[in-house]
C-alpha atoms as a PDB file:
ATOM      1  CA  MET A   1    -123.275-106.719 186.316  1.00  0.00           C
ATOM      2  CA  THR A   2    -120.022-104.521 185.498  1.00  0.00           C
ATOM      3  CA  ARG A   3    -117.574-106.334 183.120  1.00  0.00           C
ATOM      4  CA  ARG A   4    -114.480-105.568 184.941  1.00  0.00           C
ATOM      5  CA  LEU A   5    -112.203-106.759 182.162  1.00  0.00           C
ATOM      6  CA  GLU A   6    -113.740-104.949 179.535  1.00  0.00           C
ATOM      7  CA  GLY A   7    -111.328-103.850 176.800  1.00  0.00           C
ATOM      8  CA  THR A   8    -108.681-106.138 177.855  1.00  0.00           C
ATOM      9  CA  VAL A   9    -107.148-109.074 176.285  1.00  0.00           C
ATOM     10  CA  ALA A  10    -106.022-112.323 178.235  1.00  0.00           C
ATOM     11  CA  LEU A  11    -103.951-115.402 176.883  1.00  0.00           C
ATOM     12  CA  VAL A  12    -104.609-118.664 178.437  1.00  0.00           C
ATOM     13  CA  THR A  13    -102.387-121.772 177.791  1.00  0.00           C
ATOM     14  CA  GLY A  14    -103.878-125.249 178.336  1.00  0.00           C
ATOM     15  CA  ALA A  15    -107.414-123.842 177.625  1.00  0.00           C
ATOM     16  CA  SER A  16    -108.803-127.118 175.901  1.00  0.00           C
ATOM     17  CA  SER A  17    -109.814-128.663 179.515  1.00  0.00           C
ATOM     18  CA  GLY A  18    -109.934-128.212 183.153  1.00  0.00           C
ATOM     19  CA  ILE A  19    -108.776-125.161 184.817  1.00  0.00           C
ATOM     20  CA  GLY A  20    -107.917-123.435 181.658  1.00  0.00           C
ATOM     21  CA  HIS A  21    -111.294-124.122 179.930  1.00  0.00           C
ATOM     22  CA  ALA A  22    -113.037-122.701 182.985  1.00  0.00           C
ATOM     23  CA  THR A  23    -110.660-119.790 183.298  1.00  0.00           C
ATOM     24  CA  ALA A  24    -110.953-118.671 179.892  1.00  0.00           C
ATOM     25  CA  LEU A  25    -114.866-118.749 180.268  1.00  0.00           C
ATOM     26  CA  GLU A  26    -114.429-116.876 183.600  1.00  0.00           C
ATOM     27  CA  LEU A  27    -112.230-114.112 182.016  1.00  0.00           C
ATOM     28  CA  ALA A  28    -114.680-113.780 179.117  1.00  0.00           C
ATOM     29  CA  ARG A  29    -117.594-113.384 181.374  1.00  0.00           C
ATOM     30  CA  GLU A  30    -115.642-110.270 183.017  1.00  0.00           C
ATOM     31  CA  GLY A  31    -115.203-109.101 179.322  1.00  0.00           C
ATOM     32  CA  ALA A  32    -111.819-109.862 178.353  1.00  0.00           C
ATOM     33  CA  SER A  33    -111.113-111.115 174.778  1.00  0.00           C
ATOM     34  CA  VAL A  34    -109.370-114.430 175.153  1.00  0.00           C
ATOM     35  CA  ALA A  35    -106.701-116.083 173.372  1.00  0.00           C
ATOM     36  CA  LEU A  36    -106.984-119.813 173.680  1.00  0.00           C
ATOM     37  CA  VAL A  37    -103.737-121.790 173.499  1.00  0.00           C
ATOM     38  CA  GLY A  38    -103.246-125.465 173.498  1.00  0.00           C
ATOM     39  CA  ARG A  39    -102.535-128.482 171.287  1.00  0.00           C
ATOM     40  CA  ARG A  40    -106.047-129.818 171.052  1.00  0.00           C
ATOM     41  CA  GLU A  41    -107.538-127.643 168.279  1.00  0.00           C
ATOM     42  CA  ASP A  42    -110.855-129.164 168.118  1.00  0.00           C
ATOM     43  CA  ARG A  43    -111.542-128.431 171.893  1.00  0.00           C
ATOM     44  CA  LEU A  44    -110.269-124.909 171.529  1.00  0.00           C
ATOM     45  CA  THR A  45    -112.611-124.411 168.586  1.00  0.00           C
ATOM     46  CA  ASP A  46    -115.750-125.501 170.628  1.00  0.00           C
ATOM     47  CA  LEU A  47    -114.557-123.413 173.717  1.00  0.00           C
ATOM     48  CA  ALA A  48    -114.273-120.286 171.237  1.00  0.00           C
ATOM     49  CA  ALA A  49    -117.787-121.086 169.822  1.00  0.00           C
ATOM     50  CA  GLU A  50    -119.003-121.177 173.421  1.00  0.00           C
ATOM     51  CA  ILE A  51    -117.533-117.971 174.358  1.00  0.00           C
ATOM     52  CA  SER A  52    -118.842-116.260 171.075  1.00  0.00           C
ATOM     53  CA  SER A  53    -122.412-117.522 171.523  1.00  0.00           C
ATOM     54  CA  ALA A  54    -122.265-115.709 174.978  1.00  0.00           C
ATOM     55  CA  GLY A  55    -121.409-112.463 173.575  1.00  0.00           C
ATOM     56  CA  GLY A  56    -117.455-112.594 173.962  1.00  0.00           C
ATOM     57  CA  GLN A  57    -114.598-112.779 171.767  1.00  0.00           C
ATOM     58  CA  ALA A  58    -112.007-115.625 171.567  1.00  0.00           C
ATOM     59  CA  LEU A  59    -108.979-116.279 169.250  1.00  0.00           C
ATOM     60  CA  VAL A  60    -107.862-120.079 168.567  1.00  0.00           C
ATOM     61  CA  VAL A  61    -104.200-120.393 168.881  1.00  0.00           C
ATOM     62  CA  PRO A  62    -103.270-124.050 168.152  1.00  0.00           C
ATOM     63  CA  ALA A  63     -99.436-124.096 169.780  1.00  0.00           C
ATOM     64  CA  ASP A  64     -97.093-126.533 171.566  1.00  0.00           C
ATOM     65  CA  ILE A  65     -95.640-124.164 174.037  1.00  0.00           C
ATOM     66  CA  THR A  66     -92.717-126.781 175.152  1.00  0.00           C
ATOM     67  CA  ASP A  67     -91.025-125.133 171.665  1.00  0.00           C
ATOM     68  CA  ALA A  68     -89.875-121.845 172.522  1.00  0.00           C
ATOM     69  CA  GLN A  69     -90.664-120.517 169.226  1.00  0.00           C
ATOM     70  CA  ALA A  70     -94.176-121.832 168.963  1.00  0.00           C
ATOM     71  CA  ALA A  71     -94.565-120.099 172.598  1.00  0.00           C
ATOM     72  CA  ALA A  72     -93.452-116.572 171.224  1.00  0.00           C
ATOM     73  CA  GLU A  73     -95.420-117.177 167.899  1.00  0.00           C
ATOM     74  CA  ALA A  74     -98.740-117.972 170.162  1.00  0.00           C
ATOM     75  CA  VAL A  75     -98.132-114.594 171.916  1.00  0.00           C
ATOM     76  CA  SER A  76     -97.518-112.899 168.717  1.00  0.00           C
ATOM     77  CA  ARG A  77    -100.826-114.230 167.152  1.00  0.00           C
ATOM     78  CA  ALA A  78    -102.568-113.259 170.064  1.00  0.00           C
ATOM     79  CA  VAL A  79    -101.516-109.527 170.179  1.00  0.00           C
ATOM     80  CA  GLU A  80    -102.037-109.370 166.419  1.00  0.00           C
ATOM     81  CA  GLY A  81    -105.442-111.014 166.504  1.00  0.00           C
ATOM     82  CA  LEU A  82    -106.788-109.201 169.352  1.00  0.00           C
ATOM     83  CA  GLY A  83    -104.951-106.064 169.744  1.00  0.00           C
ATOM     84  CA  ARG A  84    -103.075-106.155 172.824  1.00  0.00           C
ATOM     85  CA  LEU A  85    -102.047-108.299 175.985  1.00  0.00           C
ATOM     86  CA  ASP A  86    -103.176-107.512 179.557  1.00  0.00           C
ATOM     87  CA  ILE A  87    -103.451-110.834 181.273  1.00  0.00           C
ATOM     88  CA  LEU A  88    -101.426-113.899 180.800  1.00  0.00           C
ATOM     89  CA  VAL A  89    -102.603-117.279 182.357  1.00  0.00           C
ATOM     90  CA  ASN A  90     -99.763-119.898 182.369  1.00  0.00           C
ATOM     91  CA  ASN A  91    -101.919-122.915 183.067  1.00  0.00           C
ATOM     92  CA  ALA A  92    -100.690-125.898 180.837  1.00  0.00           C
ATOM     93  CA  GLY A  93     -99.407-128.420 182.921  1.00  0.00           C
ATOM     94  CA  LEU A  94     -98.616-132.425 183.255  1.00  0.00           C
ATOM     95  CA  MET A  95     -98.694-134.799 186.332  1.00  0.00           C
ATOM     96  CA  LEU A  96     -96.927-138.075 185.860  1.00  0.00           C
ATOM     97  CA  LEU A  97     -96.426-139.760 188.909  1.00  0.00           C
ATOM     98  CA  GLY A  98     -94.644-142.908 190.256  1.00  0.00           C
ATOM     99  CA  PRO A  99     -91.475-144.227 191.824  1.00  0.00           C
ATOM    100  CA  ALA A 100     -88.162-142.430 190.913  1.00  0.00           C
ATOM    101  CA  PRO A 101     -86.121-145.468 190.646  1.00  0.00           C
ATOM    102  CA  ASP A 102     -88.252-147.063 187.726  1.00  0.00           C
ATOM    103  CA  ALA A 103     -89.121-143.606 186.180  1.00  0.00           C
ATOM    104  CA  ASP A 104     -89.180-142.848 182.393  1.00  0.00           C
ATOM    105  CA  LEU A 105     -86.756-140.273 181.914  1.00  0.00           C
ATOM    106  CA  ASN A 106     -88.821-139.180 179.162  1.00  0.00           C
ATOM    107  CA  ASP A 107     -91.721-138.446 181.489  1.00  0.00           C
ATOM    108  CA  TRP A 108     -89.549-136.331 183.626  1.00  0.00           C
ATOM    109  CA  ARG A 109     -88.387-134.591 180.696  1.00  0.00           C
ATOM    110  CA  ARG A 110     -92.131-133.762 179.331  1.00  0.00           C
ATOM    111  CA  MET A 111     -93.099-132.471 182.720  1.00  0.00           C
ATOM    112  CA  MET A 112     -90.093-130.076 182.964  1.00  0.00           C
ATOM    113  CA  ASP A 113     -90.934-129.064 179.306  1.00  0.00           C
ATOM    114  CA  ILE A 114     -94.549-128.304 179.957  1.00  0.00           C
ATOM    115  CA  ASN A 115     -94.919-127.281 183.506  1.00  0.00           C
ATOM    116  CA  LEU A 116     -91.735-125.176 183.814  1.00  0.00           C
ATOM    117  CA  MET A 117     -90.093-124.308 180.513  1.00  0.00           C
ATOM    118  CA  GLY A 118     -93.009-123.680 178.530  1.00  0.00           C
ATOM    119  CA  LEU A 119     -94.464-121.415 181.201  1.00  0.00           C
ATOM    120  CA  MET A 120     -91.184-119.406 180.862  1.00  0.00           C
ATOM    121  CA  TYR A 121     -91.004-119.321 177.310  1.00  0.00           C
ATOM    122  CA  THR A 122     -94.721-118.016 177.021  1.00  0.00           C
ATOM    123  CA  THR A 123     -93.798-115.261 179.867  1.00  0.00           C
ATOM    124  CA  HIS A 124     -90.737-114.288 178.182  1.00  0.00           C
ATOM    125  CA  ALA A 125     -92.615-113.459 175.010  1.00  0.00           C
ATOM    126  CA  ALA A 126     -95.474-111.908 176.871  1.00  0.00           C
ATOM    127  CA  VAL A 127     -93.652-109.499 179.254  1.00  0.00           C
ATOM    128  CA  PRO A 128     -93.025-106.734 176.570  1.00  0.00           C
ATOM    129  CA  HIS A 129     -96.526-106.611 175.777  1.00  0.00           C
ATOM    130  CA  LEU A 130     -97.829-106.709 179.277  1.00  0.00           C
ATOM    131  CA  LEU A 131     -95.445-103.852 180.397  1.00  0.00           C
ATOM    132  CA  LYS A 132     -97.016-101.849 177.416  1.00  0.00           C
ATOM    133  CA  ALA A 133    -100.644-102.640 178.679  1.00  0.00           C
ATOM    134  CA  ALA A 134     -99.726-101.532 182.019  1.00  0.00           C
ATOM    135  CA  THR A 135     -99.086 -97.922 180.994  1.00  0.00           C
ATOM    136  CA  GLN A 136    -102.624 -97.902 179.099  1.00  0.00           C
ATOM    137  CA  ASP A 137    -106.281 -97.834 179.816  1.00  0.00           C
ATOM    138  CA  PRO A 138    -108.452 -99.462 180.671  1.00  0.00           C
ATOM    139  CA  ARG A 139    -106.647-100.610 183.747  1.00  0.00           C
ATOM    140  CA  GLN A 140    -103.212 -99.335 183.486  1.00  0.00           C
ATOM    141  CA  VAL A 141    -101.967-102.604 185.146  1.00  0.00           C
ATOM    142  CA  ALA A 142    -101.307-106.054 183.771  1.00  0.00           C
ATOM    143  CA  ASP A 143    -101.177-109.485 185.091  1.00  0.00           C
ATOM    144  CA  ILE A 144     -99.331-112.749 185.084  1.00  0.00           C
ATOM    145  CA  VAL A 145    -100.990-115.744 186.763  1.00  0.00           C
ATOM    146  CA  ASN A 146     -99.133-118.960 186.983  1.00  0.00           C
ATOM    147  CA  ILE A 147    -100.934-122.161 188.144  1.00  0.00           C
ATOM    148  CA  GLY A 148     -98.579-123.945 190.624  1.00  0.00           C
ATOM    149  CA  SER A 149     -99.831-126.587 192.927  1.00  0.00           C
ATOM    150  CA  VAL A 150     -99.939-127.626 196.898  1.00  0.00           C
ATOM    151  CA  ALA A 151     -96.987-129.858 195.426  1.00  0.00           C
ATOM    152  CA  GLY A 152     -94.922-126.495 194.878  1.00  0.00           C
ATOM    153  CA  ARG A 153     -95.155-126.057 198.734  1.00  0.00           C
ATOM    154  CA  SER A 154     -94.810-129.351 200.313  1.00  0.00           C
ATOM    155  CA  ALA A 155     -92.874-132.345 198.535  1.00  0.00           C
ATOM    156  CA  PHE A 156     -94.648-135.783 198.250  1.00  0.00           C
ATOM    157  CA  ALA A 157     -93.316-139.317 197.633  1.00  0.00           C
ATOM    158  CA  MET A 158     -93.921-140.600 194.124  1.00  0.00           C
ATOM    159  CA  SER A 159     -93.887-136.974 192.782  1.00  0.00           C
ATOM    160  CA  ALA A 160     -90.310-136.142 192.650  1.00  0.00           C
ATOM    161  CA  VAL A 161     -90.262-134.095 189.424  1.00  0.00           C
ATOM    162  CA  TYR A 162     -93.723-132.984 189.517  1.00  0.00           C
ATOM    163  CA  CYS A 163     -92.977-131.339 192.732  1.00  0.00           C
ATOM    164  CA  ALA A 164     -89.595-129.884 191.436  1.00  0.00           C
ATOM    165  CA  THR A 165     -91.304-128.271 188.551  1.00  0.00           C
ATOM    166  CA  LYS A 166     -94.176-126.719 190.785  1.00  0.00           C
ATOM    167  CA  PHE A 167     -91.266-125.352 193.158  1.00  0.00           C
ATOM    168  CA  GLY A 168     -89.753-124.067 190.374  1.00  0.00           C
ATOM    169  CA  VAL A 169     -92.849-122.128 189.174  1.00  0.00           C
ATOM    170  CA  GLY A 170     -93.344-120.575 192.855  1.00  0.00           C
ATOM    171  CA  ALA A 171     -89.899-119.604 192.606  1.00  0.00           C
ATOM    172  CA  PHE A 172     -89.987-118.063 189.166  1.00  0.00           C
ATOM    173  CA  THR A 173     -93.106-116.325 190.109  1.00  0.00           C
ATOM    174  CA  GLU A 174     -91.708-114.610 193.190  1.00  0.00           C
ATOM    175  CA  SER A 175     -88.734-113.649 191.489  1.00  0.00           C
ATOM    176  CA  LEU A 176     -90.455-112.034 188.493  1.00  0.00           C
ATOM    177  CA  ARG A 177     -92.808-110.387 190.903  1.00  0.00           C
ATOM    178  CA  GLN A 178     -90.053-108.276 192.509  1.00  0.00           C
ATOM    179  CA  GLU A 179     -88.705-107.552 188.993  1.00  0.00           C
ATOM    180  CA  LEU A 180     -91.942-106.044 187.520  1.00  0.00           C
ATOM    181  CA  ALA A 181     -93.744-104.811 190.590  1.00  0.00           C
ATOM    182  CA  ARG A 182     -92.652-101.182 190.132  1.00  0.00           C
ATOM    183  CA  GLN A 183     -93.831-101.167 186.401  1.00  0.00           C
ATOM    184  CA  HIS A 184     -97.322-102.438 187.491  1.00  0.00           C
ATOM    185  CA  VAL A 185     -97.247-105.809 186.025  1.00  0.00           C
ATOM    186  CA  ARG A 186     -98.646-108.001 188.783  1.00  0.00           C
ATOM    187  CA  VAL A 187     -97.099-111.638 188.933  1.00  0.00           C
ATOM    188  CA  SER A 188     -99.269-114.361 190.987  1.00  0.00           C
ATOM    189  CA  VAL A 189     -99.285-117.907 191.640  1.00  0.00           C
ATOM    190  CA  VAL A 190    -102.284-120.003 192.465  1.00  0.00           C
ATOM    191  CA  GLU A 191    -101.842-123.416 194.303  1.00  0.00           C
ATOM    192  CA  PRO A 192    -104.617-125.439 194.088  1.00  0.00           C
ATOM    193  CA  GLY A 193    -105.075-128.690 196.144  1.00  0.00           C
ATOM    194  CA  SER A 194    -106.970-131.580 194.427  1.00  0.00           C
ATOM    195  CA  VAL A 195    -109.113-130.568 191.723  1.00  0.00           C
ATOM    196  CA  ASP A 196    -111.280-133.065 189.789  1.00  0.00           C
ATOM    197  CA  THR A 197    -109.761-132.561 186.482  1.00  0.00           C
ATOM    198  CA  GLU A 198    -108.198-134.908 183.609  1.00  0.00           C
ATOM    199  CA  LEU A 199    -104.641-134.308 185.034  1.00  0.00           C
ATOM    200  CA  ARG A 200    -104.471-137.351 186.851  1.00  0.00           C
ATOM    201  CA  THR A 201    -105.832-139.497 184.170  1.00  0.00           C
ATOM    202  CA  HIS A 202    -102.269-139.256 182.396  1.00  0.00           C
ATOM    203  CA  ASN A 203    -101.113-141.832 185.054  1.00  0.00           C
ATOM    204  CA  PRO A 204    -101.499-145.893 184.846  1.00  0.00           C
ATOM    205  CA  ASP A 205    -104.506-147.102 186.883  1.00  0.00           C
ATOM    206  CA  VAL A 206    -102.510-148.294 189.723  1.00  0.00           C
ATOM    207  CA  VAL A 207    -101.148-144.719 190.288  1.00  0.00           C
ATOM    208  CA  GLN A 208    -104.630-143.040 189.970  1.00  0.00           C
ATOM    209  CA  GLN A 209    -105.871-145.923 192.314  1.00  0.00           C
ATOM    210  CA  LEU A 210    -103.097-144.629 194.956  1.00  0.00           C
ATOM    211  CA  ILE A 211    -103.995-140.956 194.402  1.00  0.00           C
ATOM    212  CA  ALA A 212    -107.713-141.817 195.220  1.00  0.00           C
ATOM    213  CA  SER A 213    -106.953-143.815 198.205  1.00  0.00           C
ATOM    214  CA  SER A 214    -104.625-141.023 199.651  1.00  0.00           C
ATOM    215  CA  LEU A 215    -107.718-138.423 199.484  1.00  0.00           C
ATOM    216  CA  GLY A 216    -110.283-140.983 200.508  1.00  0.00           C
ATOM    217  CA  ASP A 217    -113.802-139.785 199.987  1.00  0.00           C
ATOM    218  CA  ILE A 218    -113.333-136.035 200.327  1.00  0.00           C
ATOM    219  CA  GLU A 219    -115.294-133.534 197.910  1.00  0.00           C
ATOM    220  CA  ARG A 220    -112.603-132.307 195.484  1.00  0.00           C
ATOM    221  CA  LEU A 221    -112.496-128.757 193.859  1.00  0.00           C
ATOM    222  CA  GLN A 222    -113.977-128.254 190.586  1.00  0.00           C
ATOM    223  CA  SER A 223    -112.169-126.249 187.930  1.00  0.00           C
ATOM    224  CA  GLN A 224    -114.562-123.401 188.183  1.00  0.00           C
ATOM    225  CA  ASP A 225    -113.366-123.093 191.937  1.00  0.00           C
ATOM    226  CA  ILE A 226    -109.823-122.153 190.679  1.00  0.00           C
ATOM    227  CA  ALA A 227    -110.940-119.914 187.725  1.00  0.00           C
ATOM    228  CA  ASP A 228    -113.194-118.062 190.592  1.00  0.00           C
ATOM    229  CA  ALA A 229    -109.611-117.450 192.574  1.00  0.00           C
ATOM    230  CA  LEU A 230    -107.962-116.410 189.488  1.00  0.00           C
ATOM    231  CA  GLY A 231    -110.821-113.979 188.464  1.00  0.00           C
ATOM    232  CA  TYR A 232    -110.558-112.364 191.770  1.00  0.00           C
ATOM    233  CA  ILE A 233    -106.754-111.949 191.455  1.00  0.00           C
ATOM    234  CA  VAL A 234    -106.819-110.124 188.235  1.00  0.00           C
ATOM    235  CA  THR A 235    -109.874-107.859 188.990  1.00  0.00           C
ATOM    236  CA  ARG A 236    -108.231-106.261 192.081  1.00  0.00           C
ATOM    237  CA  PRO A 237    -107.543-102.432 191.885  1.00  0.00           C
ATOM    238  CA  ARG A 238    -104.437-101.226 190.475  1.00  0.00           C
ATOM    239  CA  HIS A 239    -102.818-100.815 193.810  1.00  0.00           C
ATOM    240  CA  VAL A 240    -103.566-104.112 195.064  1.00  0.00           C
ATOM    241  CA  ALA A 241    -101.595-107.475 194.019  1.00  0.00           C
ATOM    242  CA  VAL A 242    -102.513-110.676 195.443  1.00  0.00           C
ATOM    243  CA  ASN A 243     -99.079-112.708 195.151  1.00  0.00           C
ATOM    244  CA  GLU A 244     -99.820-115.976 196.284  1.00  0.00           C
ATOM    245  CA  LEU A 245    -103.411-117.979 196.428  1.00  0.00           C
ATOM    246  CA  LEU A 246    -103.543-121.399 198.165  1.00  0.00           C
ATOM    247  CA  VAL A 247    -106.861-123.267 197.516  1.00  0.00           C
ATOM    248  CA  ARG A 248    -107.557-126.542 198.987  1.00  0.00           C
ATOM    249  CA  PRO A 249    -110.698-128.873 199.376  1.00  0.00           C
ATOM    250  CA  THR A 250    -112.005-128.174 202.807  1.00  0.00           C
ATOM    251  CA  GLU A 251    -111.311-131.662 203.802  1.00  0.00           C
ATOM    252  CA  GLN A 252    -107.852-131.978 202.195  1.00  0.00           C
ATOM    253  CA  VAL A 253    -105.082-132.235 204.964  1.00  0.00           C
END
């Protein structure tokens, strides 16, 4: 099978679990060397070992991207360690749901810091390297893929600030896409519906029960389903840009 990303380097935030973990493996299978960014170094180390055992190359980069300097240093470490940067996947995220009147403002700030500001910090640091990669072989194109959500298209009760962050991701993505398109840096957003990851476990049991009851017994997406979608985006020919991809479980309305 042709490894369509051979000779490229990808950086994935939130790589320690869920969509980020699956995406790192998918990109490595396609031949990319992968910088694994996240706060749980033990999980990143295990993932790097899995990639290496399959013949790939991975670099563990522990970092808290909610700090602008830490995000910039993570990008620098990736470039220094792997030689370049062709693909940035902004996946790190947090979903804390509940009634707005009783909300803990610290929870709101954490979601803003991770879902939106961290994504922006990492992107800001990565863009110069991506612009350079877009002028070079093997692809002469570079990619930024941001993980949004259906909550970035429709607002839901009990999700005010989470939705605000994901609407922000969509707006940031489209604006940056327009700015970088002529320089062959493609900017895309993938908007998952319900995915069976640990994201919802950050909430109290009562909130998790509300999420489960709203979905019923539908078959949820798996992390690999989103990794597949992302792999499709970054392996398109240079003249093809997939700007937005909404992926829901078949039964989710």
